[in-house]
């Protein structure tokens, strides 16, 4: 599963950059194409971020990466 998510990460970011470039370089008269490219770029960015965070969390869980330095929240109710 992690390899599949890693492949999704690469494909999603490639889609983000490709469609983002198309959205930025499209003529203003072709607003339909620009909107479609912008939506596809946003979907690629969203999937890329989701896959990146999933991979980071997975690598911390299996011990491949050191967990991030996060604050410990203590429960003082007891």
PDB file of N, CA and C in Angstrom:
ATOM      1  N   UNK A   1       0.801  -1.195   0.000  1.00  0.00           N
ATOM      2  CA  UNK A   1       0.000   0.000   0.000  1.00  0.00           C
ATOM      3  C   UNK A   1       0.855   1.277   0.000  1.00  0.00           C
ATOM      4  N   UNK A   2       1.943   1.335   0.786  1.00  0.00           N
ATOM      5  CA  UNK A   2       2.757   2.555   0.760  1.00  0.00           C
ATOM      6  C   UNK A   2       3.340   2.858  -0.619  1.00  0.00           C
ATOM      7  N   UNK A   3       3.698   1.818  -1.369  1.00  0.00           N
ATOM      8  CA  UNK A   3       4.244   2.058  -2.710  1.00  0.00           C
ATOM      9  C   UNK A   3       3.178   2.629  -3.635  1.00  0.00           C
ATOM     10  N   UNK A   4       1.955   2.168  -3.477  1.00  0.00           N
ATOM     11  CA  UNK A   4       0.852   2.680  -4.281  1.00  0.00           C
ATOM     12  C   UNK A   4       0.587   4.154  -3.946  1.00  0.00           C
ATOM     13  N   UNK A   5       0.635   4.492  -2.664  1.00  0.00           N
ATOM     14  CA  UNK A   5       0.442   5.884  -2.251  1.00  0.00           C
ATOM     15  C   UNK A   5       1.603   6.745  -2.746  1.00  0.00           C
ATOM     16  N   UNK A   6       2.816   6.203  -2.748  1.00  0.00           N
ATOM     17  CA  UNK A   6       3.972   6.948  -3.255  1.00  0.00           C
ATOM     18  C   UNK A   6       3.835   7.221  -4.748  1.00  0.00           C
ATOM     19  N   UNK A   7       3.334   6.243  -5.486  1.00  0.00           N
ATOM     20  CA  UNK A   7       3.105   6.459  -6.920  1.00  0.00           C
ATOM     21  C   UNK A   7       2.023   7.512  -7.127  1.00  0.00           C
ATOM     22  N   UNK A   8       0.948   7.433  -6.335  1.00  0.00           N
ATOM     23  CA  UNK A   8      -0.106   8.441  -6.402  1.00  0.00           C
ATOM     24  C   UNK A   8       0.458   9.828  -6.099  1.00  0.00           C
ATOM     25  N   UNK A   9       1.360   9.915  -5.144  1.00  0.00           N
ATOM     26  CA  UNK A   9       1.981  11.189  -4.790  1.00  0.00           C
ATOM     27  C   UNK A   9       2.721  11.789  -5.986  1.00  0.00           C
ATOM     28  N   UNK A  10       3.512  10.990  -6.657  1.00  0.00           N
ATOM     29  CA  UNK A  10       4.286  11.474  -7.801  1.00  0.00           C
ATOM     30  C   UNK A  10       3.369  11.890  -8.949  1.00  0.00           C
ATOM     31  N   UNK A  11       2.372  11.066  -9.232  1.00  0.00           N
ATOM     32  CA  UNK A  11       1.454  11.373 -10.329  1.00  0.00           C
ATOM     33  C   UNK A  11       0.635  12.619 -10.019  1.00  0.00           C
ATOM     34  N   UNK A  12       0.193  12.758  -8.779  1.00  0.00           N
ATOM     35  CA  UNK A  12      -0.610  13.917  -8.394  1.00  0.00           C
ATOM     36  C   UNK A  12       0.196  15.203  -8.512  1.00  0.00           C
ATOM     37  N   UNK A  13       1.436  15.202  -8.030  1.00  0.00           N
ATOM     38  CA  UNK A  13       2.246  16.419  -8.134  1.00  0.00           C
ATOM     39  C   UNK A  13       2.613  16.720  -9.585  1.00  0.00           C
ATOM     40  N   UNK A  14       2.821  15.692 -10.389  1.00  0.00           N
ATOM     41  CA  UNK A  14       3.086  15.926 -11.807  1.00  0.00           C
ATOM     42  C   UNK A  14       1.867  16.560 -12.471  1.00  0.00           C
ATOM     43  N   UNK A  15       0.681  16.087 -12.120  1.00  0.00           N
ATOM     44  CA  UNK A  15      -0.545  16.689 -12.639  1.00  0.00           C
ATOM     45  C   UNK A  15      -0.710  18.121 -12.181  1.00  0.00           C
ATOM     46  N   UNK A  16      -0.374  18.385 -10.931  1.00  0.00           N
ATOM     47  CA  UNK A  16      -0.452  19.754 -10.418  1.00  0.00           C
ATOM     48  C   UNK A  16       0.439  20.689 -11.226  1.00  0.00           C
ATOM     49  N   UNK A  17       1.689  20.298 -11.436  1.00  0.00           N
ATOM     50  CA  UNK A  17       2.607  21.173 -12.166  1.00  0.00           C
ATOM     51  C   UNK A  17       2.212  21.310 -13.632  1.00  0.00           C
ATOM     52  N   UNK A  18       1.810  20.220 -14.259  1.00  0.00           N
ATOM     53  CA  UNK A  18       1.449  20.272 -15.684  1.00  0.00           C
ATOM     54  C   UNK A  18       0.197  21.110 -15.905  1.00  0.00           C
ATOM     55  N   UNK A  19      -0.850  20.837 -15.152  1.00  0.00           N
ATOM     56  CA  UNK A  19      -2.087  21.586 -15.353  1.00  0.00           C
ATOM     57  C   UNK A  19      -1.987  23.005 -14.796  1.00  0.00           C
ATOM     58  N   UNK A  20      -1.175  23.198 -13.784  1.00  0.00           N
ATOM     59  CA  UNK A  20      -0.939  24.557 -13.298  1.00  0.00           C
ATOM     60  C   UNK A  20      -0.242  25.411 -14.344  1.00  0.00           C
ATOM     61  N   UNK A  21       0.723  24.815 -15.020  1.00  0.00           N
ATOM     62  CA  UNK A  21       1.397  25.527 -16.106  1.00  0.00           C
ATOM     63  C   UNK A  21       0.417  25.863 -17.226  1.00  0.00           C
ATOM     64  N   UNK A  22      -0.426  24.897 -17.572  1.00  0.00           N
ATOM     65  CA  UNK A  22      -1.412  25.152 -18.619  1.00  0.00           C
ATOM     66  C   UNK A  22      -2.386  26.254 -18.202  1.00  0.00           C
ATOM     67  N   UNK A  23      -2.789  26.261 -16.951  1.00  0.00           N
ATOM     68  CA  UNK A  23      -3.713  27.294 -16.475  1.00  0.00           C
ATOM     69  C   UNK A  23      -3.067  28.668 -16.518  1.00  0.00           C
ATOM     70  N   UNK A  24      -1.789  28.741 -16.191  1.00  0.00           N
ATOM     71  CA  UNK A  24      -1.102  30.036 -16.176  1.00  0.00           C
ATOM     72  C   UNK A  24      -0.788  30.552 -17.574  1.00  0.00           C
ATOM     73  N   UNK A  25      -0.583  29.669 -18.530  1.00  0.00           N
ATOM     74  CA  UNK A  25      -0.167  30.105 -19.861  1.00  0.00           C
ATOM     75  C   UNK A  25      -1.299  30.140 -20.887  1.00  0.00           C
ATOM     76  N   UNK A  26      -2.517  29.817 -20.476  1.00  0.00           N
ATOM     77  CA  UNK A  26      -3.653  29.856 -21.392  1.00  0.00           C
ATOM     78  C   UNK A  26      -4.064  31.301 -21.637  1.00  0.00           C
ATOM     79  N   UNK A  27      -4.452  31.594 -22.870  1.00  0.00           N
ATOM     80  CA  UNK A  27      -4.930  32.936 -23.199  1.00  0.00           C
ATOM     81  C   UNK A  27      -6.204  33.252 -22.424  1.00  0.00           C
ATOM     82  N   UNK A  28      -6.401  34.532 -22.128  1.00  0.00           N
ATOM     83  CA  UNK A  28      -7.570  34.947 -21.355  1.00  0.00           C
ATOM     84  C   UNK A  28      -8.870  34.693 -22.109  1.00  0.00           C
ATOM     85  N   UNK A  29      -8.809  34.634 -23.424  1.00  0.00           N
ATOM     86  CA  UNK A  29     -10.022  34.383 -24.203  1.00  0.00           C
ATOM     87  C   UNK A  29     -10.538  32.953 -24.027  1.00  0.00           C
ATOM     88  N   UNK A  30      -9.669  32.053 -23.634  1.00  0.00           N
ATOM     89  CA  UNK A  30     -10.037  30.645 -23.466  1.00  0.00           C
ATOM     90  C   UNK A  30     -10.280  30.344 -21.988  1.00  0.00           C
ATOM     91  N   UNK A  31     -11.276  31.013 -21.424  1.00  0.00           N
ATOM     92  CA  UNK A  31     -11.514  30.875 -19.985  1.00  0.00           C
ATOM     93  C   UNK A  31     -11.993  29.479 -19.604  1.00  0.00           C
ATOM     94  N   UNK A  32     -12.675  28.781 -20.512  1.00  0.00           N
ATOM     95  CA  UNK A  32     -13.123  27.416 -20.224  1.00  0.00           C
ATOM     96  C   UNK A  32     -11.955  26.469 -20.017  1.00  0.00           C
ATOM     97  N   UNK A  33     -10.983  26.550 -20.904  1.00  0.00           N
ATOM     98  CA  UNK A  33      -9.783  25.705 -20.762  1.00  0.00           C
ATOM     99  C   UNK A  33      -9.001  26.066 -19.513  1.00  0.00           C
ATOM    100  N   UNK A  34      -8.929  27.365 -19.232  1.00  0.00           N
ATOM    101  CA  UNK A  34      -8.196  27.810 -18.051  1.00  0.00           C
ATOM    102  C   UNK A  34      -8.852  27.274 -16.775  1.00  0.00           C
ATOM    103  N   UNK A  35     -10.181  27.313 -16.716  1.00  0.00           N
ATOM    104  CA  UNK A  35     -10.900  26.839 -15.542  1.00  0.00           C
ATOM    105  C   UNK A  35     -10.707  25.336 -15.349  1.00  0.00           C
ATOM    106  N   UNK A  36     -10.791  24.570 -16.424  1.00  0.00           N
ATOM    107  CA  UNK A  36     -10.594  23.121 -16.328  1.00  0.00           C
ATOM    108  C   UNK A  36      -9.170  22.811 -15.863  1.00  0.00           C
ATOM    109  N   UNK A  37      -8.183  23.494 -16.423  1.00  0.00           N
ATOM    110  CA  UNK A  37      -6.793  23.266 -16.013  1.00  0.00           C
ATOM    111  C   UNK A  37      -6.587  23.666 -14.558  1.00  0.00           C
ATOM    112  N   UNK A  38      -7.226  24.738 -14.133  1.00  0.00           N
ATOM    113  CA  UNK A  38      -7.102  25.180 -12.741  1.00  0.00           C
ATOM    114  C   UNK A  38      -7.723  24.169 -11.784  1.00  0.00           C
ATOM    115  N   UNK A  39      -8.875  23.629 -12.141  1.00  0.00           N
ATOM    116  CA  UNK A  39      -9.523  22.625 -11.289  1.00  0.00           C
ATOM    117  C   UNK A  39      -8.679  21.358 -11.211  1.00  0.00           C
ATOM    118  N   UNK A  40      -8.146  20.922 -12.350  1.00  0.00           N
ATOM    119  CA  UNK A  40      -7.296  19.725 -12.337  1.00  0.00           C
ATOM    120  C   UNK A  40      -6.010  19.956 -11.546  1.00  0.00           C
ATOM    121  N   UNK A  41      -5.457  21.155 -11.628  1.00  0.00           N
ATOM    122  CA  UNK A  41      -4.269  21.466 -10.839  1.00  0.00           C
ATOM    123  C   UNK A  41      -4.587  21.452  -9.343  1.00  0.00           C
ATOM    124  N   UNK A  42      -5.744  21.973  -8.970  1.00  0.00           N
ATOM    125  CA  UNK A  42      -6.139  21.972  -7.560  1.00  0.00           C
ATOM    126  C   UNK A  42      -6.367  20.552  -7.052  1.00  0.00           C
ATOM    127  N   UNK A  43      -6.967  19.703  -7.875  1.00  0.00           N
ATOM    128  CA  UNK A  43      -7.162  18.305  -7.493  1.00  0.00           C
ATOM    129  C   UNK A  43      -5.811  17.608  -7.334  1.00  0.00           C
ATOM    130  N   UNK A  44      -4.888  17.873  -8.240  1.00  0.00           N
ATOM    131  CA  UNK A  44      -3.549  17.293  -8.130  1.00  0.00           C
ATOM    132  C   UNK A  44      -2.834  17.742  -6.873  1.00  0.00           C
ATOM    133  N   UNK A  45      -2.970  19.023  -6.528  1.00  0.00           N
ATOM    134  CA  UNK A  45      -2.336  19.530  -5.306  1.00  0.00           C
ATOM    135  C   UNK A  45      -2.957  18.906  -4.063  1.00  0.00           C
ATOM    136  N   UNK A  46      -4.279  18.784  -4.053  1.00  0.00           N
ATOM    137  CA  UNK A  46      -4.951  18.190  -2.898  1.00  0.00           C
ATOM    138  C   UNK A  46      -4.552  16.729  -2.704  1.00  0.00           C
ATOM    139  N   UNK A  47      -4.561  15.964  -3.795  1.00  0.00           N
ATOM    140  CA  UNK A  47      -4.152  14.561  -3.699  1.00  0.00           C
ATOM    141  C   UNK A  47      -2.674  14.427  -3.327  1.00  0.00           C
ATOM    142  N   UNK A  48      -1.849  15.312  -3.875  1.00  0.00           N
ATOM    143  CA  UNK A  48      -0.423  15.275  -3.550  1.00  0.00           C
ATOM    144  C   UNK A  48      -0.162  15.564  -2.084  1.00  0.00           C
ATOM    145  N   UNK A  49      -0.858  16.550  -1.540  1.00  0.00           N
ATOM    146  CA  UNK A  49      -0.693  16.857  -0.115  1.00  0.00           C
ATOM    147  C   UNK A  49      -1.193  15.715   0.764  1.00  0.00           C
ATOM    148  N   UNK A  50      -2.362  15.170   0.404  1.00  0.00           N
ATOM    149  CA  UNK A  50      -2.887  14.054   1.189  1.00  0.00           C
ATOM    150  C   UNK A  50      -1.907  12.872   1.177  1.00  0.00           C
ATOM    151  N   UNK A  51      -1.399  12.534   0.004  1.00  0.00           N
ATOM    152  CA  UNK A  51      -0.474  11.403  -0.113  1.00  0.00           C
ATOM    153  C   UNK A  51       0.829  11.690   0.635  1.00  0.00           C
ATOM    154  N   UNK A  52       1.309  12.922   0.566  1.00  0.00           N
ATOM    155  CA  UNK A  52       2.550  13.286   1.263  1.00  0.00           C
ATOM    156  C   UNK A  52       2.381  13.115   2.766  1.00  0.00           C
ATOM    157  N   UNK A  53       1.278  13.643   3.314  1.00  0.00           N
ATOM    158  CA  UNK A  53       1.058  13.528   4.758  1.00  0.00           C
ATOM    159  C   UNK A  53       0.841  12.080   5.170  1.00  0.00           C
ATOM    160  N   UNK A  54       0.186  11.287   4.327  1.00  0.00           N
ATOM    161  CA  UNK A  54       0.009   9.870   4.634  1.00  0.00           C
ATOM    162  C   UNK A  54       1.361   9.174   4.687  1.00  0.00           C
ATOM    163  N   UNK A  55       2.234   9.466   3.729  1.00  0.00           N
ATOM    164  CA  UNK A  55       3.557   8.839   3.700  1.00  0.00           C
ATOM    165  C   UNK A  55       4.412   9.259   4.892  1.00  0.00           C
ATOM    166  N   UNK A  56       4.309  10.520   5.277  1.00  0.00           N
ATOM    167  CA  UNK A  56       5.068  10.984   6.446  1.00  0.00           C
ATOM    168  C   UNK A  56       4.601  10.267   7.699  1.00  0.00           C
ATOM    169  N   UNK A  57       3.282  10.200   7.894  1.00  0.00           N
ATOM    170  CA  UNK A  57       2.752   9.518   9.069  1.00  0.00           C
ATOM    171  C   UNK A  57       3.133   8.045   9.059  1.00  0.00           C
ATOM    172  N   UNK A  58       3.060   7.408   7.902  1.00  0.00           N
ATOM    173  CA  UNK A  58       3.409   5.989   7.799  1.00  0.00           C
ATOM    174  C   UNK A  58       4.885   5.760   8.111  1.00  0.00           C
ATOM    175  N   UNK A  59       5.757   6.612   7.616  1.00  0.00           N
ATOM    176  CA  UNK A  59       7.185   6.424   7.870  1.00  0.00           C
ATOM    177  C   UNK A  59       7.531   6.648   9.337  1.00  0.00           C
ATOM    178  N   UNK A  60       6.770   7.514  10.025  1.00  0.00           N
ATOM    179  CA  UNK A  60       6.989   7.672  11.461  1.00  0.00           C
ATOM    180  C   UNK A  60       6.483   6.454  12.226  1.00  0.00           C
ATOM    181  N   UNK A  61       5.360   5.889  11.800  1.00  0.00           N
ATOM    182  CA  UNK A  61       4.787   4.731  12.491  1.00  0.00           C
ATOM    183  C   UNK A  61       5.663   3.504  12.384  1.00  0.00           C
ATOM    184  N   UNK A  62       6.287   3.283  11.232  1.00  0.00           N
ATOM    185  CA  UNK A  62       7.100   2.075  11.070  1.00  0.00           C
ATOM    186  C   UNK A  62       8.534   2.273  11.556  1.00  0.00           C
ATOM    187  N   UNK A  63       8.882   3.482  11.967  1.00  0.00           N
ATOM    188  CA  UNK A  63      10.209   3.730  12.500  1.00  0.00           C
ATOM    189  C   UNK A  63      11.239   4.140  11.473  1.00  0.00           C
ATOM    190  N   UNK A  64      10.847   4.331  10.238  1.00  0.00           N
ATOM    191  CA  UNK A  64      11.797   4.737   9.205  1.00  0.00           C
ATOM    192  C   UNK A  64      12.255   6.174   9.418  1.00  0.00           C
ATOM    193  N   UNK A  65      11.349   7.029   9.866  1.00  0.00           N
ATOM    194  CA  UNK A  65      11.681   8.427  10.134  1.00  0.00           C
ATOM    195  C   UNK A  65      11.435   8.706  11.608  1.00  0.00           C
ATOM    196  N   UNK A  66      12.246   9.588  12.148  1.00  0.00           N
ATOM    197  CA  UNK A  66      12.063   9.979  13.541  1.00  0.00           C
ATOM    198  C   UNK A  66      10.789  10.809  13.656  1.00  0.00           C
ATOM    199  N   UNK A  67       9.939  10.531  14.642  1.00  0.00           N
ATOM    200  CA  UNK A  67       8.717  11.333  14.795  1.00  0.00           C
ATOM    201  C   UNK A  67       9.039  12.810  15.008  1.00  0.00           C
ATOM    202  N   UNK A  68       8.156  13.650  14.528  1.00  0.00           N
ATOM    203  CA  UNK A  68       8.353  15.090  14.669  1.00  0.00           C
ATOM    204  C   UNK A  68       8.323  15.491  16.137  1.00  0.00           C
ATOM    205  N   UNK A  69       8.982  16.577  16.452  1.00  0.00           N
ATOM    206  CA  UNK A  69       9.034  17.088  17.817  1.00  0.00           C
ATOM    207  C   UNK A  69       7.720  17.808  18.112  1.00  0.00           C
ATOM    208  N   UNK A  70       6.796  17.086  18.721  1.00  0.00           N
ATOM    209  CA  UNK A  70       5.479  17.630  19.019  1.00  0.00           C
ATOM    210  C   UNK A  70       5.325  17.789  20.521  1.00  0.00           C
ATOM    211  N   UNK A  71       4.526  18.742  20.904  1.00  0.00           N
ATOM    212  CA  UNK A  71       4.274  18.973  22.336  1.00  0.00           C
ATOM    213  C   UNK A  71       3.432  17.825  22.898  1.00  0.00           C
ATOM    214  N   UNK A  72       3.746  17.430  24.105  1.00  0.00           N
ATOM    215  CA  UNK A  72       2.977  16.408  24.787  1.00  0.00           C
ATOM    216  C   UNK A  72       1.875  17.072  25.596  1.00  0.00           C
ATOM    217  N   UNK A  73       0.643  16.632  25.411  1.00  0.00           N
ATOM    218  CA  UNK A  73      -0.487  17.187  26.140  1.00  0.00           C
ATOM    219  C   UNK A  73      -0.795  16.247  27.297  1.00  0.00           C
ATOM    220  N   UNK A  74      -0.712  16.792  28.516  1.00  0.00           N
ATOM    221  CA  UNK A  74      -0.966  15.989  29.708  1.00  0.00           C
ATOM    222  C   UNK A  74      -2.350  16.284  30.235  1.00  0.00           C
ATOM    223  N   UNK A  75      -3.017  15.247  30.710  1.00  0.00           N
ATOM    224  CA  UNK A  75      -4.360  15.394  31.254  1.00  0.00           C
ATOM    225  C   UNK A  75      -4.247  15.596  32.753  1.00  0.00           C
ATOM    226  N   UNK A  76      -4.596  16.787  33.260  1.00  0.00           N
ATOM    227  CA  UNK A  76      -4.515  17.106  34.686  1.00  0.00           C
ATOM    228  C   UNK A  76      -5.830  16.883  35.407  1.00  0.00           C
ATOM    229  N   UNK A  77      -6.780  16.189  34.786  1.00  0.00           N
ATOM    230  CA  UNK A  77      -8.087  15.987  35.390  1.00  0.00           C
ATOM    231  C   UNK A  77      -8.032  14.990  36.533  1.00  0.00           C
ATOM    232  N   UNK A  78      -7.031  14.128  36.579  1.00  0.00           N
ATOM    233  CA  UNK A  78      -6.959  13.100  37.610  1.00  0.00           C
ATOM    234  C   UNK A  78      -6.445  13.595  38.921  1.00  0.00           C
TER     235      UNK A  78
END
